[in-house]
Structure formats: structure tokens, C-alpha cells
PDB file of N, CA and C in Angstrom:
ATOM      1  N   MET A   1       6.807   7.757  -9.398  1.00  0.00           N
ATOM      2  CA  MET A   1       6.945   7.543  -8.056  1.00  0.00           C
ATOM      3  C   MET A   1       5.616   7.426  -7.379  1.00  0.00           C
ATOM      4  N   ALA A   2       6.146   6.366  -6.380  1.00  0.00           N
ATOM      5  CA  ALA A   2       4.326   5.770  -5.656  1.00  0.00           C
ATOM      6  C   ALA A   2       4.572   7.115  -4.666  1.00  0.00           C
ATOM      7  N   ASN A   3       2.867   7.265  -4.350  1.00  0.00           N
ATOM      8  CA  ASN A   3       2.538   7.961  -3.293  1.00  0.00           C
ATOM      9  C   ASN A   3       2.862   7.436  -1.863  1.00  0.00           C
ATOM     10  N   GLU A   4       2.750   7.856  -0.682  1.00  0.00           N
ATOM     11  CA  GLU A   4       2.713   6.955   0.553  1.00  0.00           C
ATOM     12  C   GLU A   4       2.002   6.059   0.793  1.00  0.00           C
ATOM     13  N   SER A   5       0.536   6.235   0.366  1.00  0.00           N
ATOM     14  CA  SER A   5      -0.524   5.712   0.303  1.00  0.00           C
ATOM     15  C   SER A   5      -0.444   4.291  -0.848  1.00  0.00           C
ATOM     16  N   ASP A   6       0.268   4.612  -1.719  1.00  0.00           N
ATOM     17  CA  ASP A   6       0.315   3.530  -2.867  1.00  0.00           C
ATOM     18  C   ASP A   6       1.096   2.241  -2.543  1.00  0.00           C
ATOM     19  N   ARG A   7       1.508   2.541  -1.084  1.00  0.00           N
ATOM     20  CA  ARG A   7       2.953   1.438  -0.568  1.00  0.00           C
ATOM     21  C   ARG A   7       2.124   0.642   0.064  1.00  0.00           C
ATOM     22  N   LYS A   8       3.038  -0.434   0.149  1.00  0.00           N
ATOM     23  CA  LYS A   8       2.030  -1.846   0.918  1.00  0.00           C
ATOM     24  C   LYS A   8       3.246  -2.215   2.115  1.00  0.00           C
ATOM     25  N   THR A   9       2.781  -3.000   2.780  1.00  0.00           N
ATOM     26  CA  THR A   9       3.524  -3.379   4.125  1.00  0.00           C
ATOM     27  C   THR A   9       3.463  -5.055   3.716  1.00  0.00           C
ATOM     28  N   VAL A  10       5.266  -5.344   3.537  1.00  0.00           N
ATOM     29  CA  VAL A  10       5.480  -6.404   3.457  1.00  0.00           C
ATOM     30  C   VAL A  10       6.311  -7.021   4.081  1.00  0.00           C
ATOM     31  N   ARG A  11       6.150  -8.223   4.679  1.00  0.00           N
ATOM     32  CA  ARG A  11       6.844  -8.869   5.812  1.00  0.00           C
ATOM     33  C   ARG A  11       7.727  -9.800   4.772  1.00  0.00           C
ATOM     34  N   VAL A  12       9.021 -10.338   5.298  1.00  0.00           N
ATOM     35  CA  VAL A  12       9.830 -11.310   4.638  1.00  0.00           C
ATOM     36  C   VAL A  12      10.942 -11.461   5.896  1.00  0.00           C
ATOM     37  N   THR A  13      11.363 -12.670   5.328  1.00  0.00           N
ATOM     38  CA  THR A  13      12.580 -13.567   6.238  1.00  0.00           C
ATOM     39  C   THR A  13      14.079 -13.187   5.755  1.00  0.00           C
ATOM     40  N   ILE A  14      14.923 -12.944   6.201  1.00  0.00           N
ATOM     41  CA  ILE A  14      16.087 -13.031   5.142  1.00  0.00           C
ATOM     42  C   ILE A  14      17.168 -13.403   6.320  1.00  0.00           C
ATOM     43  N   PHE A  15      17.770 -14.704   6.059  1.00  0.00           N
ATOM     44  CA  PHE A  15      18.692 -15.321   6.789  1.00  0.00           C
ATOM     45  C   PHE A  15      18.075 -15.026   8.508  1.00  0.00           C
ATOM     46  N   ASN A  16      16.893 -15.971   8.730  1.00  0.00           N
ATOM     47  CA  ASN A  16      16.502 -16.412   9.785  1.00  0.00           C
ATOM     48  C   ASN A  16      16.013 -14.556  10.855  1.00  0.00           C
ATOM     49  N   GLN A  17      16.082 -13.668   9.525  1.00  0.00           N
ATOM     50  CA  GLN A  17      15.517 -12.384  10.429  1.00  0.00           C
ATOM     51  C   GLN A  17      14.436 -12.176   9.959  1.00  0.00           C
ATOM     52  N   THR A  18      13.406 -11.661  10.227  1.00  0.00           N
ATOM     53  CA  THR A  18      11.676 -10.917  10.014  1.00  0.00           C
ATOM     54  C   THR A  18      12.024  -9.504   9.582  1.00  0.00           C
ATOM     55  N   TYR A  19      11.670  -9.015   8.782  1.00  0.00           N
ATOM     56  CA  TYR A  19      11.726  -7.502   8.248  1.00  0.00           C
ATOM     57  C   TYR A  19      10.346  -7.069   7.785  1.00  0.00           C
ATOM     58  N   THR A  20      10.026  -5.810   8.148  1.00  0.00           N
ATOM     59  CA  THR A  20       8.658  -5.562   7.730  1.00  0.00           C
ATOM     60  C   THR A  20       9.355  -4.295   6.794  1.00  0.00           C
ATOM     61  N   LEU A  21       8.408  -4.227   5.861  1.00  0.00           N
ATOM     62  CA  LEU A  21       9.267  -3.076   4.361  1.00  0.00           C
ATOM     63  C   LEU A  21       7.972  -2.967   3.963  1.00  0.00           C
ATOM     64  N   LEU A  22       8.036  -1.186   3.304  1.00  0.00           N
ATOM     65  CA  LEU A  22       7.230  -0.737   2.676  1.00  0.00           C
ATOM     66  C   LEU A  22       7.687  -0.809   1.002  1.00  0.00           C
ATOM     67  N   ALA A  23       6.636  -1.514   0.388  1.00  0.00           N
ATOM     68  CA  ALA A  23       6.945  -1.728  -1.093  1.00  0.00           C
ATOM     69  C   ALA A  23       5.804  -0.613  -1.588  1.00  0.00           C
ATOM     70  N   SER A  24       6.790  -0.397  -2.684  1.00  0.00           N
ATOM     71  CA  SER A  24       5.885   0.822  -3.870  1.00  0.00           C
ATOM     72  C   SER A  24       5.361  -0.012  -4.869  1.00  0.00           C
ATOM     73  N   ASP A  25       5.954  -1.152  -5.114  1.00  0.00           N
ATOM     74  CA  ASP A  25       5.571  -1.949  -6.622  1.00  0.00           C
ATOM     75  C   ASP A  25       4.684  -3.202  -5.552  1.00  0.00           C
ATOM     76  N   GLU A  26       4.963  -4.160  -6.900  1.00  0.00           N
ATOM     77  CA  GLU A  26       3.805  -5.327  -6.348  1.00  0.00           C
ATOM     78  C   GLU A  26       4.776  -5.943  -4.854  1.00  0.00           C
ATOM     79  N   PRO A  27       4.197  -6.328  -3.903  1.00  0.00           N
ATOM     80  CA  PRO A  27       4.415  -7.257  -2.494  1.00  0.00           C
ATOM     81  C   PRO A  27       5.359  -8.239  -3.167  1.00  0.00           C
ATOM     82  N   GLY A  28       4.830  -9.008  -4.093  1.00  0.00           N
ATOM     83  CA  GLY A  28       5.146 -10.432  -4.445  1.00  0.00           C
ATOM     84  C   GLY A  28       7.256 -10.177  -5.218  1.00  0.00           C
ATOM     85  N   GLU A  29       7.125  -8.993  -5.647  1.00  0.00           N
ATOM     86  CA  GLU A  29       8.285  -8.866  -6.391  1.00  0.00           C
ATOM     87  C   GLU A  29       9.424  -8.405  -4.893  1.00  0.00           C
ATOM     88  N   VAL A  30       8.800  -7.943  -4.079  1.00  0.00           N
ATOM     89  CA  VAL A  30       9.539  -7.394  -2.808  1.00  0.00           C
ATOM     90  C   VAL A  30      10.046  -8.789  -2.404  1.00  0.00           C
ATOM     91  N   GLU A  31       9.232  -9.606  -2.269  1.00  0.00           N
ATOM     92  CA  GLU A  31       9.086 -11.230  -1.783  1.00  0.00           C
ATOM     93  C   GLU A  31       9.624 -11.818  -2.312  1.00  0.00           C
ATOM     94  N   SER A  32      10.046 -11.661  -3.780  1.00  0.00           N
ATOM     95  CA  SER A  32      10.647 -12.662  -4.675  1.00  0.00           C
ATOM     96  C   SER A  32      12.351 -11.916  -4.521  1.00  0.00           C
ATOM     97  N   LEU A  33      12.713 -10.726  -4.159  1.00  0.00           N
ATOM     98  CA  LEU A  33      13.933 -10.230  -3.861  1.00  0.00           C
ATOM     99  C   LEU A  33      14.300 -10.810  -2.772  1.00  0.00           C
ATOM    100  N   ALA A  34      13.845 -10.816  -1.695  1.00  0.00           N
ATOM    101  CA  ALA A  34      13.867 -11.184  -0.298  1.00  0.00           C
ATOM    102  C   ALA A  34      14.469 -12.535  -0.275  1.00  0.00           C
ATOM    103  N   HIS A  35      13.736 -13.328  -0.867  1.00  0.00           N
ATOM    104  CA  HIS A  35      13.983 -14.660  -1.121  1.00  0.00           C
ATOM    105  C   HIS A  35      15.522 -15.170  -1.659  1.00  0.00           C
ATOM    106  N   TYR A  36      15.616 -14.538  -2.751  1.00  0.00           N
ATOM    107  CA  TYR A  36      16.761 -14.531  -3.399  1.00  0.00           C
ATOM    108  C   TYR A  36      17.901 -14.301  -2.495  1.00  0.00           C
ATOM    109  N   VAL A  37      17.758 -12.473  -1.963  1.00  0.00           N
ATOM    110  CA  VAL A  37      18.815 -12.676  -1.046  1.00  0.00           C
ATOM    111  C   VAL A  37      19.096 -13.344   0.153  1.00  0.00           C
ATOM    112  N   ASP A  38      18.216 -13.872   0.281  1.00  0.00           N
ATOM    113  CA  ASP A  38      18.172 -15.188   1.470  1.00  0.00           C
ATOM    114  C   ASP A  38      19.019 -16.286   1.107  1.00  0.00           C
ATOM    115  N   GLU A  39      18.849 -16.503  -0.342  1.00  0.00           N
ATOM    116  CA  GLU A  39      18.997 -17.962  -1.061  1.00  0.00           C
ATOM    117  C   GLU A  39      20.690 -17.633  -0.542  1.00  0.00           C
ATOM    118  N   ILE A  40      20.901 -16.776  -1.209  1.00  0.00           N
ATOM    119  CA  ILE A  40      22.513 -16.227  -1.766  1.00  0.00           C
ATOM    120  C   ILE A  40      23.139 -16.600  -0.159  1.00  0.00           C
ATOM    121  N   MET A  41      22.819 -15.615   1.149  1.00  0.00           N
ATOM    122  CA  MET A  41      23.099 -15.835   2.431  1.00  0.00           C
ATOM    123  C   MET A  41      22.905 -17.180   2.923  1.00  0.00           C
ATOM    124  N   THR A  42      22.469 -18.064   2.687  1.00  0.00           N
ATOM    125  CA  THR A  42      22.129 -19.256   3.225  1.00  0.00           C
ATOM    126  C   THR A  42      23.139 -19.932   2.408  1.00  0.00           C
ATOM    127  N   GLN A  43      23.578 -19.801   1.135  1.00  0.00           N
ATOM    128  CA  GLN A  43      24.575 -20.579   0.058  1.00  0.00           C
ATOM    129  C   GLN A  43      25.861 -19.996   0.636  1.00  0.00           C
ATOM    130  N   ILE A  44      26.268 -19.036   0.914  1.00  0.00           N
ATOM    131  CA  ILE A  44      27.527 -18.436   1.466  1.00  0.00           C
ATOM    132  C   ILE A  44      27.923 -19.091   3.043  1.00  0.00           C
ATOM    133  N   ALA A  45      26.810 -19.022   3.785  1.00  0.00           N
ATOM    134  CA  ALA A  45      27.018 -19.540   5.208  1.00  0.00           C
ATOM    135  C   ALA A  45      27.415 -20.834   5.460  1.00  0.00           C
ATOM    136  N   ALA A  46      26.662 -21.686   4.233  1.00  0.00           N
ATOM    137  CA  ALA A  46      26.928 -23.064   4.273  1.00  0.00           C
ATOM    138  C   ALA A  46      28.343 -23.524   3.700  1.00  0.00           C
ATOM    139  N   ARG A  47      28.765 -22.743   2.666  1.00  0.00           N
ATOM    140  CA  ARG A  47      30.339 -22.755   2.608  1.00  0.00           C
ATOM    141  C   ARG A  47      31.412 -22.140   3.099  1.00  0.00           C
ATOM    142  N   GLY A  48      30.923 -21.324   3.966  1.00  0.00           N
ATOM    143  CA  GLY A  48      32.007 -20.534   4.920  1.00  0.00           C
ATOM    144  C   GLY A  48      31.625 -21.344   6.385  1.00  0.00           C
ATOM    145  N   GLY A  49      31.022 -22.260   6.304  1.00  0.00           N
ATOM    146  CA  GLY A  49      31.021 -22.669   7.836  1.00  0.00           C
ATOM    147  C   GLY A  49      30.315 -21.558   9.019  1.00  0.00           C
ATOM    148  N   ASN A  50      31.164 -21.364  10.233  1.00  0.00           N
ATOM    149  CA  ASN A  50      30.658 -20.261  11.094  1.00  0.00           C
ATOM    150  C   ASN A  50      30.750 -19.153  10.990  1.00  0.00           C
ATOM    151  N   VAL A  51      29.981 -18.937  10.018  1.00  0.00           N
ATOM    152  CA  VAL A  51      30.278 -16.990   9.397  1.00  0.00           C
ATOM    153  C   VAL A  51      29.686 -16.249  10.266  1.00  0.00           C
ATOM    154  N   ASP A  52      29.636 -15.231  10.236  1.00  0.00           N
ATOM    155  CA  ASP A  52      28.849 -14.136  11.066  1.00  0.00           C
ATOM    156  C   ASP A  52      27.836 -13.409  10.373  1.00  0.00           C
ATOM    157  N   THR A  53      26.692 -13.186  10.819  1.00  0.00           N
ATOM    158  CA  THR A  53      25.880 -12.271   9.720  1.00  0.00           C
ATOM    159  C   THR A  53      26.181 -11.097   8.838  1.00  0.00           C
ATOM    160  N   ALA A  54      26.925 -10.608   9.506  1.00  0.00           N
ATOM    161  CA  ALA A  54      27.476  -9.500   8.876  1.00  0.00           C
ATOM    162  C   ALA A  54      28.602  -9.473   7.899  1.00  0.00           C
ATOM    163  N   ARG A  55      29.627 -10.450   8.084  1.00  0.00           N
ATOM    164  CA  ARG A  55      30.478 -11.115   7.280  1.00  0.00           C
ATOM    165  C   ARG A  55      29.403 -11.497   5.914  1.00  0.00           C
ATOM    166  N   THR A  56      28.299 -12.554   6.669  1.00  0.00           N
ATOM    167  CA  THR A  56      27.437 -13.151   5.155  1.00  0.00           C
ATOM    168  C   THR A  56      27.132 -12.131   4.339  1.00  0.00           C
ATOM    169  N   ALA A  57      26.391 -11.076   5.195  1.00  0.00           N
ATOM    170  CA  ALA A  57      25.714  -9.693   4.217  1.00  0.00           C
ATOM    171  C   ALA A  57      26.737  -9.321   3.414  1.00  0.00           C
ATOM    172  N   VAL A  58      27.755  -8.878   4.031  1.00  0.00           N
ATOM    173  CA  VAL A  58      28.952  -8.444   2.965  1.00  0.00           C
ATOM    174  C   VAL A  58      28.964  -9.218   1.582  1.00  0.00           C
ATOM    175  N   LEU A  59      29.711 -10.308   1.902  1.00  0.00           N
ATOM    176  CA  LEU A  59      29.609 -11.275   0.952  1.00  0.00           C
ATOM    177  C   LEU A  59      28.932 -11.732  -0.209  1.00  0.00           C
ATOM    178  N   ALA A  60      27.523 -11.671   0.210  1.00  0.00           N
ATOM    179  CA  ALA A  60      26.095 -11.482  -0.599  1.00  0.00           C
ATOM    180  C   ALA A  60      26.473 -10.251  -1.276  1.00  0.00           C
ATOM    181  N   CYS A  61      26.344  -9.027  -0.408  1.00  0.00           N
ATOM    182  CA  CYS A  61      26.424  -7.871  -1.584  1.00  0.00           C
ATOM    183  C   CYS A  61      27.417  -7.972  -2.641  1.00  0.00           C
ATOM    184  N   LEU A  62      28.418  -8.378  -2.212  1.00  0.00           N
ATOM    185  CA  LEU A  62      29.801  -8.491  -3.077  1.00  0.00           C
ATOM    186  C   LEU A  62      29.522  -9.273  -4.480  1.00  0.00           C
ATOM    187  N   HIS A  63      29.026 -10.404  -4.007  1.00  0.00           N
ATOM    188  CA  HIS A  63      28.215 -11.052  -4.982  1.00  0.00           C
ATOM    189  C   HIS A  63      27.367 -10.544  -6.136  1.00  0.00           C
ATOM    190  N   MET A  64      26.095 -10.197  -5.321  1.00  0.00           N
ATOM    191  CA  MET A  64      25.087  -9.805  -6.129  1.00  0.00           C
ATOM    192  C   MET A  64      25.864  -8.252  -6.879  1.00  0.00           C
ATOM    193  N   ALA A  65      26.991  -7.477  -6.446  1.00  0.00           N
ATOM    194  CA  ALA A  65      27.629  -6.545  -7.307  1.00  0.00           C
ATOM    195  C   ALA A  65      28.275  -6.854  -8.109  1.00  0.00           C
ATOM    196  N   ASP A  66      28.844  -8.224  -8.304  1.00  0.00           N
ATOM    197  CA  ASP A  66      29.838  -8.647  -9.115  1.00  0.00           C
ATOM    198  C   ASP A  66      29.034  -9.209 -10.380  1.00  0.00           C
ATOM    199  N   LYS A  67      27.573  -9.747  -9.992  1.00  0.00           N
ATOM    200  CA  LYS A  67      26.086 -10.410 -10.848  1.00  0.00           C
ATOM    201  C   LYS A  67      25.807  -9.077 -11.782  1.00  0.00           C
ATOM    202  N   ILE A  68      25.658  -8.089 -11.029  1.00  0.00           N
ATOM    203  CA  ILE A  68      25.498  -6.604 -12.116  1.00  0.00           C
ATOM    204  C   ILE A  68      26.199  -5.926 -12.459  1.00  0.00           C
ATOM    205  N   ALA A  69      27.470  -6.201 -12.335  1.00  0.00           N
ATOM    206  CA  ALA A  69      28.545  -5.514 -13.065  1.00  0.00           C
ATOM    207  C   ALA A  69      28.969  -6.385 -14.576  1.00  0.00           C
ATOM    208  N   THR A  70      28.515  -7.414 -14.269  1.00  0.00           N
ATOM    209  CA  THR A  70      28.218  -8.470 -14.921  1.00  0.00           C
ATOM    210  C   THR A  70      27.709  -8.239 -16.580  1.00  0.00           C
ATOM    211  N   ILE A  71      26.282  -7.980 -15.789  1.00  0.00           N
ATOM    212  CA  ILE A  71      25.049  -7.879 -16.599  1.00  0.00           C
ATOM    213  C   ILE A  71      24.908  -6.575 -17.252  1.00  0.00           C
ATOM    214  N   GLU A  72      25.718  -5.181 -16.847  1.00  0.00           N
ATOM    215  CA  GLU A  72      25.941  -4.305 -17.173  1.00  0.00           C
ATOM    216  C   GLU A  72      27.051  -4.275 -18.459  1.00  0.00           C
ATOM    217  N   LYS A  73      28.135  -4.891 -18.399  1.00  0.00           N
ATOM    218  CA  LYS A  73      28.893  -5.280 -19.168  1.00  0.00           C
ATOM    219  C   LYS A  73      28.438  -5.976 -20.314  1.00  0.00           C
ATOM    220  N   GLU A  74      27.846  -6.758 -20.111  1.00  0.00           N
ATOM    221  CA  GLU A  74      26.868  -7.531 -21.226  1.00  0.00           C
ATOM    222  C   GLU A  74      25.933  -6.638 -21.910  1.00  0.00           C
ATOM    223  N   PHE A  75      25.127  -5.646 -21.374  1.00  0.00           N
ATOM    224  CA  PHE A  75      23.996  -5.007 -21.527  1.00  0.00           C
ATOM    225  C   PHE A  75      24.744  -3.988 -22.907  1.00  0.00           C
ATOM    226  N   ASN A  76      25.756  -2.990 -22.126  1.00  0.00           N
ATOM    227  CA  ASN A  76      26.961  -2.239 -22.983  1.00  0.00           C
ATOM    228  C   ASN A  76      27.034  -2.814 -24.163  1.00  0.00           C
ATOM    229  N   ALA A  77      27.592  -4.050 -24.301  1.00  0.00           N
ATOM    230  CA  ALA A  77      27.979  -4.490 -25.373  1.00  0.00           C
ATOM    231  C   ALA A  77      26.678  -4.998 -26.053  1.00  0.00           C
ATOM    232  N   LEU A  78      25.677  -5.304 -25.913  1.00  0.00           N
ATOM    233  CA  LEU A  78      24.740  -5.491 -26.686  1.00  0.00           C
ATOM    234  C   LEU A  78      24.203  -4.443 -27.325  1.00  0.00           C
ATOM    235  N   LYS A  79      24.150  -3.035 -26.547  1.00  0.00           N
ATOM    236  CA  LYS A  79      23.530  -1.989 -26.700  1.00  0.00           C
ATOM    237  C   LYS A  79      24.777  -1.325 -28.171  1.00  0.00           C
ATOM    238  N   SER A  80      26.025  -1.644 -27.856  1.00  0.00           N
ATOM    239  CA  SER A  80      26.960  -0.971 -28.832  1.00  0.00           C
ATOM    240  C   SER A  80      27.083  -2.145 -30.128  1.00  0.00           C
ATOM    241  N   ARG A  81      26.513  -3.138 -29.879  1.00  0.00           N
ATOM    242  CA  ARG A  81      26.354  -4.274 -31.331  1.00  0.00           C
ATOM    243  C   ARG A  81      24.952  -3.903 -31.986  1.00  0.00           C
ATOM    244  N   ILE A  82      23.859  -3.291 -31.117  1.00  0.00           N
ATOM    245  CA  ILE A  82      22.729  -2.550 -31.776  1.00  0.00           C
ATOM    246  C   ILE A  82      23.042  -1.310 -32.593  1.00  0.00           C
ATOM    247  N   GLU A  83      23.617  -0.521 -31.591  1.00  0.00           N
ATOM    248  CA  GLU A  83      23.897   0.866 -32.740  1.00  0.00           C
ATOM    249  C   GLU A  83      24.617   0.557 -33.830  1.00  0.00           C
ATOM    250  N   THR A  84      25.792  -0.134 -33.949  1.00  0.00           N
ATOM    251  CA  THR A  84      26.295  -0.415 -35.400  1.00  0.00           C
ATOM    252  C   THR A  84      26.016  -1.116 -35.938  1.00  0.00           C
ATOM    253  N   ARG A  85      24.864  -2.030 -35.590  1.00  0.00           N
ATOM    254  CA  ARG A  85      23.979  -2.604 -36.718  1.00  0.00           C
ATOM    255  C   ARG A  85      22.988  -1.625 -37.317  1.00  0.00           C
ATOM    256  N   SER A  86      22.270  -1.027 -36.358  1.00  0.00           N
ATOM    257  CA  SER A  86      21.380   0.181 -36.496  1.00  0.00           C
ATOM    258  C   SER A  86      21.811   0.834 -37.782  1.00  0.00           C
ATOM    259  N   GLY A  87      23.156   1.067 -37.561  1.00  0.00           N
ATOM    260  CA  GLY A  87      23.671   2.099 -38.791  1.00  0.00           C
ATOM    261  C   GLY A  87      24.166   1.758 -39.752  1.00  0.00           C
ATOM    262  N   GLU A  88      24.471   0.179 -39.849  1.00  0.00           N
ATOM    263  CA  GLU A  88      24.590   0.117 -40.948  1.00  0.00           C
ATOM    264  C   GLU A  88      23.491  -0.458 -41.676  1.00  0.00           C
ATOM    265  N   LEU A  89      22.004  -0.602 -41.256  1.00  0.00           N
ATOM    266  CA  LEU A  89      20.837  -0.712 -41.702  1.00  0.00           C
ATOM    267  C   LEU A  89      20.725   0.372 -42.093  1.00  0.00           C
ATOM    268  N   SER A  90      20.711   1.316 -41.519  1.00  0.00           N
ATOM    269  CA  SER A  90      20.420   2.828 -41.816  1.00  0.00           C
ATOM    270  C   SER A  90      21.020   3.277 -43.280  1.00  0.00           C
ATOM    271  N   LYS A  91      22.146   3.061 -43.386  1.00  0.00           N
ATOM    272  CA  LYS A  91      22.665   3.018 -44.239  1.00  0.00           C
ATOM    273  C   LYS A  91      22.201   2.546 -45.530  1.00  0.00           C
ATOM    274  N   MET A  92      22.380   1.067 -45.837  1.00  0.00           N
ATOM    275  CA  MET A  92      21.504   0.562 -46.712  1.00  0.00           C
ATOM    276  C   MET A  92      20.371   0.990 -46.666  1.00  0.00           C
ATOM    277  N   LEU A  93      19.650   1.630 -46.225  1.00  0.00           N
ATOM    278  CA  LEU A  93      18.128   1.737 -46.652  1.00  0.00           C
ATOM    279  C   LEU A  93      18.383   3.198 -47.340  1.00  0.00           C
ATOM    280  N   ASP A  94      19.244   4.148 -46.665  1.00  0.00           N
ATOM    281  CA  ASP A  94      19.279   5.065 -47.131  1.00  0.00           C
ATOM    282  C   ASP A  94      20.381   5.096 -48.549  1.00  0.00           C
ATOM    283  N   HIS A  95      20.702   4.095 -48.984  1.00  0.00           N
ATOM    284  CA  HIS A  95      21.431   3.813 -50.373  1.00  0.00           C
ATOM    285  C   HIS A  95      19.789   3.256 -51.423  1.00  0.00           C
ATOM    286  N   LEU A  96      19.043   2.399 -50.768  1.00  0.00           N
ATOM    287  CA  LEU A  96      18.006   1.812 -51.420  1.00  0.00           C
ATOM    288  C   LEU A  96      17.086   2.911 -51.630  1.00  0.00           C
ATOM    289  N   VAL A  97      17.032   4.021 -50.720  1.00  0.00           N
ATOM    290  CA  VAL A  97      15.953   5.151 -51.442  1.00  0.00           C
ATOM    291  C   VAL A  97      16.501   5.865 -52.372  1.00  0.00           C
ATOM    292  N   GLU A  98      17.697   6.029 -52.449  1.00  0.00           N
ATOM    293  CA  GLU A  98      18.576   7.235 -53.269  1.00  0.00           C
ATOM    294  C   GLU A  98      17.930   6.673 -54.841  1.00  0.00           C
TER     295      GLU A  98
END
């Protein structure tokens, strides 16, 4: 975990609002994430017409939560396949060593 002295100030703009944030990682990473959030909110607002900022933010959060849930499912399925295959390979190696 980064110390307070390791943090850097980063200014980002999301949906026409400027925010000053403390970044414990690389400032470029925070800027990239902010740009991603801005793009999603802008796309949602463009599709929704005259949608207020809070509603746009909630819809953006739901979009990102859905994306995270999908990635977690894919990750867990991949992890399960790796564990299964690892077990099969381990048995094959045990058989060869015998």
C-alpha cells in the first residue's frame, strides 16, 4: 500500500466535471480510467437524450458492474478448466514416474 507521500495529484475530467484525485499508482492509469468512465457516460447520455448527470452516472456504474460480473464468470470458468487440466496432467506425470 502506498504511503501518503507516494501519492500524486491527478486532475481528470469526467462528463464535463473536473476532479482532483490522489493517485497511489501511476497517474496515467488514473487518467486512463477516468477517460473510460467519461466515454461510457458520454455514450449513455448520447443515447438517452436529455438525461441528468446522476442518472447517467448510475447507468454507467451498472454497465461497468455488468462488465465486471461477466469477466469474473469468464475468469472462474477459466480457473476451473485450468484446475481440471492441471489435475489431469498431474495424474499423467504420476503415472509416468511410477
